[in-house]
């Protein structure tokens, strides 16, 4: 599988440190060792150490595995705790968690707390960009609307061609992918609903964003 990583500039380094601090805080609050978190998340101990130290810019799939193992949901790892139930994310403040080979970006702009987590993403795909995903946890649903350009969304074995204004609702617990086979950039919004995150201590989920 091809792994996509955001460039480690000052902004992404700051994000990596914030994620690392939150992962360490959640792990220690549970009294877990590094090995226990690694086993629960299905990642290596070295990866957990690197994430907690802010020494790596983890893939979306790795972050999802860690957030599921900790039972907190992905938004909790990339957003600072809010003192009020209303949280404003200004333009440009979202967490860039995926970059494509041709200029695309996946930005997590908002999210809710567990157990029923909703993630709101802003996606762009450069010409030729592909973002693929293995199935998420059972019951996950995704809603997508094309804002600029045109894309192809593969859901299981079906192919859906979408143009500006088109929308698609589909299950996220099957293999799926977003592609831009065209010559112009494309942009779309994506909402992901993940029920019961952390309900059983840790949700079993395949990697998202690592294909």
N, C-alpha and C. Protein backbone atom coordinates (compact mmCIF):
# COMPACT_ATOMS: atom_id res chain seq x y z
N UNK A 1 0.84 -1.19 0.00
CA UNK A 1 0.00 0.00 0.00
C UNK A 1 0.88 1.24 0.00
N UNK A 2 0.36 2.28 -0.65
CA UNK A 2 1.07 3.54 -0.69
C UNK A 2 0.63 4.39 0.49
N UNK A 3 1.58 4.95 1.21
CA UNK A 3 1.27 5.80 2.35
C UNK A 3 1.47 7.25 1.96
N UNK A 4 0.50 8.10 2.27
CA UNK A 4 0.57 9.52 1.97
C UNK A 4 0.83 10.27 3.28
N UNK A 5 1.75 11.21 3.25
CA UNK A 5 2.12 11.97 4.45
C UNK A 5 2.10 13.46 4.15
N UNK A 6 1.63 14.23 5.10
CA UNK A 6 1.68 15.69 4.97
C UNK A 6 3.12 16.15 5.11
N UNK A 7 3.50 17.23 4.46
CA UNK A 7 4.84 17.77 4.56
C UNK A 7 5.09 18.24 5.98
N UNK A 8 6.29 17.93 6.51
CA UNK A 8 6.60 18.27 7.89
C UNK A 8 7.09 19.71 8.00
N UNK A 9 6.23 20.65 7.67
CA UNK A 9 6.57 22.05 7.85
C UNK A 9 6.21 22.46 9.27
N UNK A 10 6.35 23.74 9.58
CA UNK A 10 6.11 24.18 10.96
C UNK A 10 4.70 23.85 11.42
N UNK A 11 3.72 24.02 10.53
CA UNK A 11 2.33 23.77 10.91
C UNK A 11 2.09 22.31 11.23
N UNK A 12 2.59 21.41 10.37
CA UNK A 12 2.36 19.99 10.61
C UNK A 12 3.18 19.48 11.78
N UNK A 13 4.35 20.06 12.03
CA UNK A 13 5.13 19.68 13.20
C UNK A 13 4.38 20.05 14.49
N UNK A 14 3.75 21.23 14.48
CA UNK A 14 2.96 21.64 15.64
C UNK A 14 1.80 20.68 15.86
N UNK A 15 1.15 20.29 14.76
CA UNK A 15 0.04 19.34 14.86
C UNK A 15 0.53 18.00 15.38
N UNK A 16 1.68 17.54 14.89
CA UNK A 16 2.22 16.25 15.33
C UNK A 16 2.51 16.26 16.83
N UNK A 17 3.04 17.37 17.32
CA UNK A 17 3.33 17.46 18.76
C UNK A 17 2.04 17.46 19.58
N UNK A 18 1.02 18.17 19.09
CA UNK A 18 -0.25 18.22 19.80
C UNK A 18 -0.91 16.84 19.84
N UNK A 19 -0.85 16.13 18.72
CA UNK A 19 -1.41 14.78 18.68
C UNK A 19 -0.66 13.87 19.64
N UNK A 20 0.67 13.98 19.63
CA UNK A 20 1.48 13.14 20.51
C UNK A 20 1.16 13.37 21.98
N UNK A 21 0.99 14.64 22.35
CA UNK A 21 0.67 14.96 23.74
C UNK A 21 -0.68 14.39 24.13
N UNK A 22 -1.65 14.46 23.21
CA UNK A 22 -2.98 13.96 23.52
C UNK A 22 -2.99 12.43 23.63
N UNK A 23 -2.27 11.76 22.73
CA UNK A 23 -2.19 10.30 22.79
C UNK A 23 -1.55 9.87 24.11
N UNK A 24 -0.47 10.50 24.48
CA UNK A 24 0.22 10.16 25.73
C UNK A 24 -0.69 10.41 26.93
N UNK A 25 -1.41 11.55 26.91
CA UNK A 25 -2.32 11.88 28.01
C UNK A 25 -3.41 10.82 28.15
N UNK A 26 -4.02 10.43 27.03
CA UNK A 26 -5.09 9.44 27.08
C UNK A 26 -4.55 8.08 27.51
N UNK A 27 -3.37 7.72 27.04
CA UNK A 27 -2.78 6.42 27.42
C UNK A 27 -2.48 6.38 28.92
N UNK A 28 -1.85 7.43 29.42
CA UNK A 28 -1.50 7.45 30.84
C UNK A 28 -2.73 7.53 31.73
N UNK A 29 -3.79 8.21 31.26
CA UNK A 29 -5.02 8.30 32.05
C UNK A 29 -5.64 6.92 32.26
N UNK A 30 -5.35 6.00 31.32
CA UNK A 30 -5.89 4.64 31.44
C UNK A 30 -4.92 3.70 32.15
N UNK A 31 -3.72 4.22 32.46
CA UNK A 31 -2.73 3.38 33.10
C UNK A 31 -2.15 2.34 32.16
N UNK A 32 -2.18 2.64 30.84
CA UNK A 32 -1.69 1.70 29.84
C UNK A 32 -0.21 1.89 29.59
N UNK A 33 0.49 0.81 29.32
CA UNK A 33 1.87 0.88 28.87
C UNK A 33 1.89 1.15 27.37
N UNK A 34 3.06 1.49 26.87
CA UNK A 34 3.23 1.67 25.43
C UNK A 34 2.88 0.39 24.68
N UNK A 35 3.30 -0.74 25.25
CA UNK A 35 3.04 -2.03 24.60
C UNK A 35 1.55 -2.33 24.54
N UNK A 36 0.82 -1.98 25.60
CA UNK A 36 -0.61 -2.27 25.60
C UNK A 36 -1.34 -1.45 24.54
N UNK A 37 -0.99 -0.18 24.43
CA UNK A 37 -1.63 0.66 23.40
C UNK A 37 -1.27 0.16 22.01
N UNK A 38 -0.01 -0.20 21.83
CA UNK A 38 0.42 -0.70 20.53
C UNK A 38 -0.37 -1.95 20.13
N UNK A 39 -0.54 -2.86 21.10
CA UNK A 39 -1.28 -4.10 20.82
C UNK A 39 -2.75 -3.81 20.54
N UNK A 40 -3.35 -2.91 21.32
CA UNK A 40 -4.76 -2.60 21.14
C UNK A 40 -5.02 -1.91 19.79
N UNK A 41 -4.04 -1.11 19.35
CA UNK A 41 -4.22 -0.36 18.10
C UNK A 41 -3.73 -1.13 16.89
N UNK A 42 -2.99 -2.19 17.10
CA UNK A 42 -2.47 -2.96 15.98
C UNK A 42 -1.34 -2.24 15.26
N UNK A 43 -0.54 -1.47 16.00
CA UNK A 43 0.62 -0.79 15.43
C UNK A 43 1.84 -1.18 16.25
N UNK A 44 3.02 -0.82 15.77
CA UNK A 44 4.24 -1.17 16.49
C UNK A 44 4.46 -0.26 17.70
N UNK A 45 5.21 -0.76 18.67
CA UNK A 45 5.56 0.05 19.83
C UNK A 45 6.35 1.27 19.39
N UNK A 46 7.24 1.09 18.41
CA UNK A 46 8.03 2.20 17.91
C UNK A 46 7.15 3.29 17.34
N UNK A 47 6.07 2.90 16.66
CA UNK A 47 5.15 3.90 16.11
C UNK A 47 4.49 4.70 17.22
N UNK A 48 4.06 4.03 18.30
CA UNK A 48 3.44 4.74 19.42
C UNK A 48 4.43 5.72 20.04
N UNK A 49 5.67 5.28 20.22
CA UNK A 49 6.70 6.16 20.78
C UNK A 49 6.91 7.37 19.89
N UNK A 50 7.02 7.14 18.59
CA UNK A 50 7.25 8.25 17.65
C UNK A 50 6.08 9.23 17.64
N UNK A 51 4.86 8.69 17.71
CA UNK A 51 3.68 9.56 17.73
C UNK A 51 3.67 10.40 18.99
N UNK A 52 3.89 9.78 20.14
CA UNK A 52 3.84 10.51 21.41
C UNK A 52 4.94 11.56 21.49
N UNK A 53 6.07 11.32 20.86
CA UNK A 53 7.17 12.28 20.87
C UNK A 53 7.00 13.36 19.81
N UNK A 54 5.97 13.23 18.97
CA UNK A 54 5.79 14.20 17.90
C UNK A 54 6.86 14.10 16.84
N UNK A 55 7.51 12.93 16.77
CA UNK A 55 8.64 12.75 15.86
C UNK A 55 8.22 12.23 14.50
N UNK A 56 6.94 11.95 14.33
CA UNK A 56 6.46 11.45 13.06
C UNK A 56 5.13 12.10 12.73
N UNK A 57 4.83 12.19 11.44
CA UNK A 57 3.54 12.69 11.00
C UNK A 57 2.70 11.48 10.61
N UNK A 58 1.94 10.91 11.56
CA UNK A 58 1.27 9.63 11.31
C UNK A 58 0.19 9.73 10.24
N UNK A 59 -0.01 8.61 9.56
CA UNK A 59 -1.06 8.54 8.55
C UNK A 59 -2.43 8.60 9.21
N UNK A 60 -3.44 8.89 8.41
CA UNK A 60 -4.80 8.91 8.93
C UNK A 60 -5.17 7.54 9.49
N UNK A 61 -4.72 6.48 8.81
CA UNK A 61 -5.03 5.14 9.29
C UNK A 61 -4.46 4.87 10.66
N UNK A 62 -3.22 5.29 10.90
CA UNK A 62 -2.60 5.10 12.21
C UNK A 62 -3.35 5.88 13.28
N UNK A 63 -3.73 7.12 12.97
CA UNK A 63 -4.47 7.93 13.93
C UNK A 63 -5.81 7.30 14.26
N UNK A 64 -6.47 6.73 13.26
CA UNK A 64 -7.76 6.09 13.51
C UNK A 64 -7.58 4.86 14.39
N UNK A 65 -6.53 4.10 14.16
CA UNK A 65 -6.30 2.93 15.00
C UNK A 65 -6.05 3.34 16.45
N UNK A 66 -5.26 4.39 16.64
CA UNK A 66 -4.96 4.85 18.00
C UNK A 66 -6.21 5.42 18.68
N UNK A 67 -6.96 6.23 17.94
CA UNK A 67 -8.15 6.84 18.54
C UNK A 67 -9.20 5.79 18.88
N UNK A 68 -9.33 4.78 18.03
CA UNK A 68 -10.27 3.70 18.33
C UNK A 68 -9.82 2.89 19.54
N UNK A 69 -8.53 2.59 19.62
CA UNK A 69 -8.02 1.83 20.75
C UNK A 69 -8.24 2.57 22.06
N UNK A 70 -8.09 3.90 22.01
CA UNK A 70 -8.29 4.71 23.21
C UNK A 70 -9.76 5.03 23.45
N UNK A 71 -10.60 4.78 22.44
CA UNK A 71 -12.03 5.02 22.59
C UNK A 71 -12.41 6.49 22.63
N UNK A 72 -11.66 7.34 21.92
CA UNK A 72 -11.92 8.78 21.99
C UNK A 72 -12.39 9.37 20.68
N UNK A 73 -12.21 8.68 19.56
CA UNK A 73 -12.58 9.25 18.27
C UNK A 73 -11.47 10.11 17.71
N UNK A 74 -11.34 10.11 16.39
CA UNK A 74 -10.28 10.85 15.73
C UNK A 74 -10.28 12.35 16.04
N UNK A 75 -11.42 13.04 16.01
CA UNK A 75 -11.40 14.49 16.28
C UNK A 75 -10.75 14.85 17.61
N UNK A 76 -10.91 13.98 18.61
CA UNK A 76 -10.35 14.29 19.93
C UNK A 76 -8.83 14.33 19.91
N UNK A 77 -8.20 13.60 18.97
CA UNK A 77 -6.75 13.59 18.91
C UNK A 77 -6.18 14.80 18.20
N UNK A 78 -6.93 15.40 17.31
CA UNK A 78 -6.37 16.47 16.49
C UNK A 78 -6.91 17.85 16.85
N UNK A 79 -7.89 17.91 17.76
CA UNK A 79 -8.44 19.18 18.18
C UNK A 79 -8.21 19.38 19.67
N UNK A 80 -7.84 20.57 20.10
CA UNK A 80 -7.66 20.82 21.53
C UNK A 80 -8.99 20.75 22.25
N UNK A 81 -8.99 20.36 23.53
CA UNK A 81 -10.23 20.32 24.29
C UNK A 81 -10.90 21.69 24.31
N UNK A 82 -12.20 21.71 24.15
CA UNK A 82 -12.94 22.99 24.13
C UNK A 82 -13.68 23.16 25.46
N UNK A 83 -13.60 24.34 26.08
CA UNK A 83 -14.28 24.56 27.35
C UNK A 83 -15.79 24.68 27.19
N UNK A 84 -16.25 24.90 25.95
CA UNK A 84 -17.67 25.06 25.69
C UNK A 84 -18.10 24.08 24.60
N UNK A 85 -19.41 23.75 24.54
CA UNK A 85 -19.87 22.81 23.52
C UNK A 85 -19.80 23.38 22.11
N UNK A 86 -19.60 24.68 21.97
CA UNK A 86 -19.49 25.31 20.66
C UNK A 86 -18.01 25.50 20.33
N UNK A 87 -17.58 24.96 19.21
CA UNK A 87 -16.18 25.08 18.79
C UNK A 87 -16.14 25.64 17.37
N UNK A 88 -15.40 26.70 17.18
CA UNK A 88 -15.28 27.33 15.87
C UNK A 88 -13.91 26.99 15.29
N UNK A 89 -13.90 26.49 14.07
CA UNK A 89 -12.65 26.27 13.34
C UNK A 89 -12.60 27.28 12.21
N UNK A 90 -11.69 28.23 12.30
CA UNK A 90 -11.56 29.26 11.28
C UNK A 90 -10.93 28.69 10.01
N UNK A 91 -11.15 29.38 8.92
CA UNK A 91 -10.57 28.96 7.64
C UNK A 91 -9.06 28.81 7.77
N UNK A 92 -8.56 27.67 7.34
CA UNK A 92 -7.14 27.41 7.41
C UNK A 92 -6.67 26.77 8.70
N UNK A 93 -7.58 26.57 9.65
CA UNK A 93 -7.19 26.01 10.94
C UNK A 93 -7.44 24.51 11.05
N UNK A 94 -8.01 23.89 10.04
CA UNK A 94 -8.28 22.46 10.10
C UNK A 94 -6.99 21.65 10.09
N UNK A 95 -7.09 20.39 10.53
CA UNK A 95 -5.93 19.50 10.60
C UNK A 95 -5.73 18.80 9.26
N UNK A 96 -4.60 19.07 8.61
CA UNK A 96 -4.28 18.43 7.34
C UNK A 96 -3.73 17.04 7.63
N UNK A 97 -4.52 16.02 7.35
CA UNK A 97 -4.16 14.65 7.72
C UNK A 97 -3.81 13.78 6.52
N UNK A 98 -3.98 14.30 5.31
CA UNK A 98 -3.62 13.54 4.11
C UNK A 98 -3.19 14.51 3.02
N UNK A 99 -2.14 14.18 2.31
CA UNK A 99 -1.78 14.94 1.11
C UNK A 99 -1.57 13.96 -0.04
N UNK A 100 -2.03 14.32 -1.21
CA UNK A 100 -1.89 13.48 -2.38
C UNK A 100 -0.61 13.75 -3.13
N UNK A 101 -0.31 12.89 -4.08
CA UNK A 101 0.90 13.04 -4.88
C UNK A 101 0.79 14.17 -5.89
N UNK A 102 -0.44 14.65 -6.12
CA UNK A 102 -0.65 15.67 -7.15
C UNK A 102 -1.33 16.92 -6.59
N UNK A 103 -1.11 17.19 -5.31
CA UNK A 103 -1.60 18.43 -4.72
C UNK A 103 -2.86 18.32 -3.89
N UNK A 104 -3.44 17.16 -3.78
CA UNK A 104 -4.67 17.00 -3.00
C UNK A 104 -4.41 17.07 -1.51
N UNK A 105 -5.47 17.37 -0.75
CA UNK A 105 -5.37 17.43 0.72
C UNK A 105 -6.66 16.93 1.34
N UNK A 106 -6.51 16.27 2.48
CA UNK A 106 -7.66 15.89 3.29
C UNK A 106 -7.56 16.62 4.62
N UNK A 107 -8.52 17.51 4.89
CA UNK A 107 -8.47 18.36 6.07
C UNK A 107 -9.65 18.07 6.98
N UNK A 108 -9.38 17.64 8.19
CA UNK A 108 -10.44 17.44 9.18
C UNK A 108 -10.75 18.79 9.81
N UNK A 109 -11.95 19.31 9.55
CA UNK A 109 -12.28 20.67 9.99
C UNK A 109 -13.15 20.71 11.24
N UNK A 110 -13.84 19.62 11.55
CA UNK A 110 -14.69 19.61 12.74
C UNK A 110 -15.04 18.17 13.09
N UNK A 111 -15.43 17.98 14.35
CA UNK A 111 -15.82 16.65 14.78
C UNK A 111 -16.52 16.68 16.12
N UNK A 112 -17.22 15.62 16.43
CA UNK A 112 -17.94 15.52 17.69
C UNK A 112 -17.27 14.49 18.59
N UNK A 113 -17.71 14.46 19.84
CA UNK A 113 -17.15 13.54 20.83
C UNK A 113 -17.82 12.17 20.72
N UNK A 114 -17.14 11.11 21.21
CA UNK A 114 -17.77 9.79 21.24
C UNK A 114 -18.92 9.76 22.23
N UNK A 115 -19.80 8.77 22.15
CA UNK A 115 -19.60 7.53 21.41
C UNK A 115 -20.00 7.58 19.93
N UNK A 116 -20.88 8.47 19.53
CA UNK A 116 -21.28 8.56 18.13
C UNK A 116 -20.56 9.75 17.51
N UNK A 117 -19.49 9.45 16.80
CA UNK A 117 -18.58 10.48 16.29
C UNK A 117 -18.96 10.86 14.86
N UNK A 118 -19.03 12.16 14.62
CA UNK A 118 -19.22 12.69 13.27
C UNK A 118 -17.98 13.51 12.92
N UNK A 119 -17.38 13.19 11.78
CA UNK A 119 -16.22 13.93 11.30
C UNK A 119 -16.63 14.72 10.06
N UNK A 120 -16.20 15.98 9.98
CA UNK A 120 -16.45 16.81 8.80
C UNK A 120 -15.11 17.12 8.15
N UNK A 121 -14.99 16.74 6.87
CA UNK A 121 -13.73 16.87 6.14
C UNK A 121 -13.90 17.80 4.94
N UNK A 122 -12.82 18.47 4.60
CA UNK A 122 -12.72 19.20 3.33
C UNK A 122 -11.62 18.54 2.52
N UNK A 123 -12.02 18.02 1.36
CA UNK A 123 -11.08 17.27 0.53
C UNK A 123 -10.83 17.98 -0.79
N UNK A 124 -9.60 17.89 -1.26
CA UNK A 124 -9.27 18.31 -2.62
C UNK A 124 -8.43 17.21 -3.25
N UNK A 125 -8.64 16.98 -4.53
CA UNK A 125 -7.88 15.98 -5.27
C UNK A 125 -7.29 16.64 -6.51
N UNK A 126 -5.98 16.60 -6.65
CA UNK A 126 -5.36 17.07 -7.86
C UNK A 126 -5.58 16.07 -8.99
N UNK A 127 -5.35 16.47 -10.23
CA UNK A 127 -5.50 15.53 -11.35
C UNK A 127 -4.66 14.28 -11.13
N UNK A 128 -5.31 13.14 -11.11
CA UNK A 128 -4.61 11.87 -10.91
C UNK A 128 -4.53 11.41 -9.47
N UNK A 129 -4.95 12.24 -8.51
CA UNK A 129 -4.92 11.84 -7.11
C UNK A 129 -5.93 10.73 -6.82
N UNK A 130 -5.55 9.82 -5.93
CA UNK A 130 -6.42 8.73 -5.48
C UNK A 130 -6.27 8.59 -3.97
N UNK A 131 -7.39 8.52 -3.26
CA UNK A 131 -7.36 8.24 -1.83
C UNK A 131 -8.24 7.03 -1.60
N UNK A 132 -7.62 5.93 -1.14
CA UNK A 132 -8.35 4.67 -0.97
C UNK A 132 -8.47 4.31 0.50
N UNK A 133 -9.50 3.57 0.82
CA UNK A 133 -9.73 3.19 2.21
C UNK A 133 -10.25 1.77 2.30
N UNK A 134 -9.73 1.04 3.27
CA UNK A 134 -10.31 -0.24 3.63
C UNK A 134 -11.56 0.03 4.48
N UNK A 135 -12.36 -0.98 4.74
CA UNK A 135 -13.60 -0.76 5.50
C UNK A 135 -13.35 -0.21 6.90
N UNK A 136 -14.21 0.73 7.32
CA UNK A 136 -14.19 1.24 8.69
C UNK A 136 -15.02 0.30 9.57
N UNK A 137 -15.25 0.70 10.79
CA UNK A 137 -16.04 -0.10 11.72
C UNK A 137 -17.47 -0.29 11.21
N UNK A 138 -18.08 -1.38 11.60
CA UNK A 138 -19.44 -1.68 11.17
C UNK A 138 -20.39 -0.54 11.53
N UNK A 139 -21.24 -0.18 10.59
CA UNK A 139 -22.22 0.88 10.83
C UNK A 139 -21.77 2.26 10.39
N UNK A 140 -20.51 2.41 9.99
CA UNK A 140 -20.02 3.72 9.54
C UNK A 140 -20.71 4.12 8.25
N UNK A 141 -21.11 5.40 8.18
CA UNK A 141 -21.75 5.95 6.98
C UNK A 141 -21.00 7.20 6.55
N UNK A 142 -21.00 7.46 5.25
CA UNK A 142 -20.34 8.65 4.73
C UNK A 142 -21.28 9.40 3.80
N UNK A 143 -21.17 10.73 3.86
CA UNK A 143 -21.94 11.62 2.99
C UNK A 143 -20.96 12.54 2.28
N UNK A 144 -21.09 12.65 0.97
CA UNK A 144 -20.13 13.41 0.17
C UNK A 144 -20.86 14.30 -0.81
N UNK A 145 -20.35 15.53 -1.00
CA UNK A 145 -20.88 16.42 -2.03
C UNK A 145 -19.72 17.09 -2.75
N UNK A 146 -19.77 17.08 -4.08
CA UNK A 146 -18.74 17.69 -4.91
C UNK A 146 -18.96 19.20 -4.98
N UNK A 147 -17.92 19.97 -4.67
CA UNK A 147 -18.00 21.42 -4.68
C UNK A 147 -17.37 22.03 -5.92
N UNK A 148 -16.31 21.41 -6.42
CA UNK A 148 -15.63 21.87 -7.63
C UNK A 148 -15.12 20.67 -8.40
N UNK A 149 -15.14 20.75 -9.73
CA UNK A 149 -14.60 19.69 -10.55
C UNK A 149 -15.49 18.46 -10.59
N UNK A 150 -14.87 17.32 -10.81
CA UNK A 150 -15.59 16.05 -10.90
C UNK A 150 -14.70 14.95 -10.36
N UNK A 151 -15.32 13.95 -9.73
CA UNK A 151 -14.57 12.84 -9.15
C UNK A 151 -15.29 11.53 -9.42
N UNK A 152 -14.60 10.45 -9.15
CA UNK A 152 -15.18 9.12 -9.22
C UNK A 152 -15.04 8.49 -7.84
N UNK A 153 -16.15 8.02 -7.30
CA UNK A 153 -16.14 7.37 -5.98
C UNK A 153 -16.43 5.89 -6.19
N UNK A 154 -15.52 5.05 -5.76
CA UNK A 154 -15.74 3.62 -5.82
C UNK A 154 -16.22 3.13 -4.46
N UNK A 155 -17.34 2.45 -4.43
CA UNK A 155 -17.89 1.88 -3.20
C UNK A 155 -18.06 0.39 -3.42
N UNK A 156 -17.25 -0.39 -2.73
CA UNK A 156 -17.20 -1.82 -2.95
C UNK A 156 -16.88 -2.05 -4.43
N UNK A 157 -17.76 -2.68 -5.18
CA UNK A 157 -17.47 -2.93 -6.59
C UNK A 157 -18.18 -1.95 -7.52
N UNK A 158 -18.87 -0.96 -6.97
CA UNK A 158 -19.62 0.00 -7.79
C UNK A 158 -18.80 1.26 -8.01
N UNK A 159 -19.01 1.90 -9.16
CA UNK A 159 -18.30 3.12 -9.54
C UNK A 159 -19.33 4.22 -9.74
N UNK A 160 -19.10 5.38 -9.07
CA UNK A 160 -20.05 6.49 -9.15
C UNK A 160 -19.32 7.74 -9.64
N UNK A 161 -19.75 8.27 -10.78
CA UNK A 161 -19.16 9.48 -11.33
C UNK A 161 -19.97 10.67 -10.86
N UNK A 162 -19.31 11.63 -10.23
CA UNK A 162 -19.99 12.78 -9.63
C UNK A 162 -19.42 14.08 -10.16
N UNK A 163 -20.30 15.03 -10.48
CA UNK A 163 -19.92 16.36 -10.94
C UNK A 163 -20.32 17.39 -9.89
N UNK A 164 -20.06 18.66 -10.16
CA UNK A 164 -20.35 19.73 -9.21
C UNK A 164 -21.81 19.68 -8.76
N UNK A 165 -22.02 19.70 -7.46
CA UNK A 165 -23.37 19.67 -6.90
C UNK A 165 -23.90 18.29 -6.62
N UNK A 166 -23.31 17.26 -7.23
CA UNK A 166 -23.76 15.89 -6.98
C UNK A 166 -23.37 15.46 -5.57
N UNK A 167 -24.21 14.62 -4.99
CA UNK A 167 -23.95 14.12 -3.63
C UNK A 167 -24.10 12.60 -3.61
N UNK A 168 -23.47 11.98 -2.64
CA UNK A 168 -23.50 10.53 -2.52
C UNK A 168 -23.53 10.15 -1.05
N UNK A 169 -24.43 9.24 -0.69
CA UNK A 169 -24.48 8.65 0.65
C UNK A 169 -24.13 7.18 0.49
N UNK A 170 -23.19 6.70 1.31
CA UNK A 170 -22.75 5.32 1.12
C UNK A 170 -22.19 4.75 2.42
N UNK A 171 -22.16 3.41 2.53
CA UNK A 171 -21.60 2.78 3.73
C UNK A 171 -20.09 2.91 3.74
N UNK A 172 -19.54 3.25 4.91
CA UNK A 172 -18.10 3.34 5.04
C UNK A 172 -17.47 2.06 5.55
N UNK A 173 -18.29 1.03 5.78
CA UNK A 173 -17.75 -0.23 6.29
C UNK A 173 -17.50 -1.24 5.17
N UNK A 174 -17.31 -0.72 3.95
CA UNK A 174 -16.89 -1.53 2.80
C UNK A 174 -15.72 -0.79 2.16
N UNK A 175 -14.91 -1.47 1.34
CA UNK A 175 -13.81 -0.77 0.68
C UNK A 175 -14.34 0.37 -0.19
N UNK A 176 -13.66 1.52 -0.16
CA UNK A 176 -14.09 2.66 -0.96
C UNK A 176 -12.90 3.54 -1.29
N UNK A 177 -13.07 4.37 -2.33
CA UNK A 177 -11.96 5.21 -2.78
C UNK A 177 -12.51 6.44 -3.49
N UNK A 178 -11.74 7.53 -3.40
CA UNK A 178 -12.07 8.77 -4.09
C UNK A 178 -10.98 9.01 -5.13
N UNK A 179 -11.38 9.25 -6.38
CA UNK A 179 -10.40 9.43 -7.46
C UNK A 179 -10.72 10.67 -8.28
N UNK A 180 -9.68 11.29 -8.79
CA UNK A 180 -9.84 12.38 -9.75
C UNK A 180 -9.10 12.00 -11.03
N UNK A 181 -9.80 11.39 -11.99
CA UNK A 181 -9.15 10.97 -13.23
C UNK A 181 -9.10 12.07 -14.28
N UNK A 182 -9.50 13.28 -13.89
CA UNK A 182 -9.63 14.37 -14.86
C UNK A 182 -8.41 15.29 -14.83
N UNK A 183 -8.40 16.28 -15.73
CA UNK A 183 -7.26 17.18 -15.87
C UNK A 183 -7.34 18.39 -14.95
N UNK A 184 -8.49 18.61 -14.32
CA UNK A 184 -8.66 19.77 -13.44
C UNK A 184 -8.79 19.32 -11.99
N UNK A 185 -8.37 20.15 -11.04
CA UNK A 185 -8.52 19.80 -9.62
C UNK A 185 -9.99 19.65 -9.24
N UNK A 186 -10.24 18.92 -8.19
CA UNK A 186 -11.60 18.73 -7.68
C UNK A 186 -11.61 18.96 -6.18
N UNK A 187 -12.77 19.33 -5.68
CA UNK A 187 -12.91 19.58 -4.24
C UNK A 187 -14.27 19.06 -3.79
N UNK A 188 -14.32 18.43 -2.61
CA UNK A 188 -15.59 17.93 -2.09
C UNK A 188 -15.59 17.98 -0.58
N UNK A 189 -16.78 18.04 -0.01
CA UNK A 189 -16.95 17.95 1.45
C UNK A 189 -17.37 16.53 1.78
N UNK A 190 -16.96 16.07 2.95
CA UNK A 190 -17.23 14.70 3.36
C UNK A 190 -17.58 14.67 4.85
N UNK A 191 -18.68 14.02 5.17
CA UNK A 191 -19.06 13.79 6.56
C UNK A 191 -19.01 12.29 6.82
N UNK A 192 -18.40 11.91 7.93
CA UNK A 192 -18.28 10.49 8.29
C UNK A 192 -18.93 10.28 9.65
N UNK A 193 -19.88 9.35 9.71
CA UNK A 193 -20.57 9.02 10.96
C UNK A 193 -20.08 7.67 11.44
N UNK A 194 -19.51 7.62 12.65
CA UNK A 194 -18.96 6.41 13.22
C UNK A 194 -19.66 6.11 14.55
N UNK A 195 -20.61 5.19 14.58
CA UNK A 195 -21.35 4.94 15.81
C UNK A 195 -20.58 4.08 16.80
N UNK A 196 -20.82 4.34 18.08
CA UNK A 196 -20.31 3.47 19.12
C UNK A 196 -18.81 3.44 19.29
N UNK A 197 -18.13 4.54 19.01
CA UNK A 197 -16.68 4.57 19.19
C UNK A 197 -16.35 4.43 20.68
N UNK A 198 -15.54 3.46 21.01
CA UNK A 198 -15.15 3.24 22.40
C UNK A 198 -16.20 2.56 23.24
N UNK A 199 -17.30 2.14 22.63
CA UNK A 199 -18.38 1.53 23.41
C UNK A 199 -17.94 0.24 24.09
N UNK A 200 -17.01 -0.48 23.43
CA UNK A 200 -16.53 -1.74 24.00
C UNK A 200 -15.08 -1.63 24.43
N UNK A 201 -14.67 -0.41 24.77
CA UNK A 201 -13.29 -0.22 25.19
C UNK A 201 -12.39 0.14 24.04
N UNK A 202 -12.61 -0.49 22.90
CA UNK A 202 -11.86 -0.17 21.69
C UNK A 202 -12.65 -0.68 20.51
N UNK A 203 -12.78 0.13 19.49
CA UNK A 203 -13.52 -0.25 18.30
C UNK A 203 -12.58 -0.89 17.31
N UNK A 204 -12.99 -1.98 16.69
CA UNK A 204 -12.17 -2.60 15.66
C UNK A 204 -12.43 -1.90 14.34
N UNK A 205 -11.36 -1.35 13.75
CA UNK A 205 -11.51 -0.62 12.51
C UNK A 205 -10.28 -0.83 11.63
N UNK A 206 -10.53 -1.00 10.35
CA UNK A 206 -9.40 -1.11 9.43
C UNK A 206 -8.85 0.28 9.15
N UNK A 207 -7.66 0.32 8.58
CA UNK A 207 -7.01 1.59 8.35
C UNK A 207 -7.78 2.43 7.33
N UNK A 208 -7.77 3.73 7.57
CA UNK A 208 -8.41 4.70 6.67
C UNK A 208 -7.34 5.66 6.20
N UNK A 209 -7.19 5.74 4.89
CA UNK A 209 -6.23 6.67 4.36
C UNK A 209 -4.89 6.05 4.05
N UNK A 210 -4.76 4.75 4.15
CA UNK A 210 -3.48 4.09 3.89
C UNK A 210 -3.63 3.07 2.79
N UNK A 211 -3.89 3.52 1.61
CA UNK A 211 -3.98 2.56 0.52
C UNK A 211 -3.49 3.22 -0.73
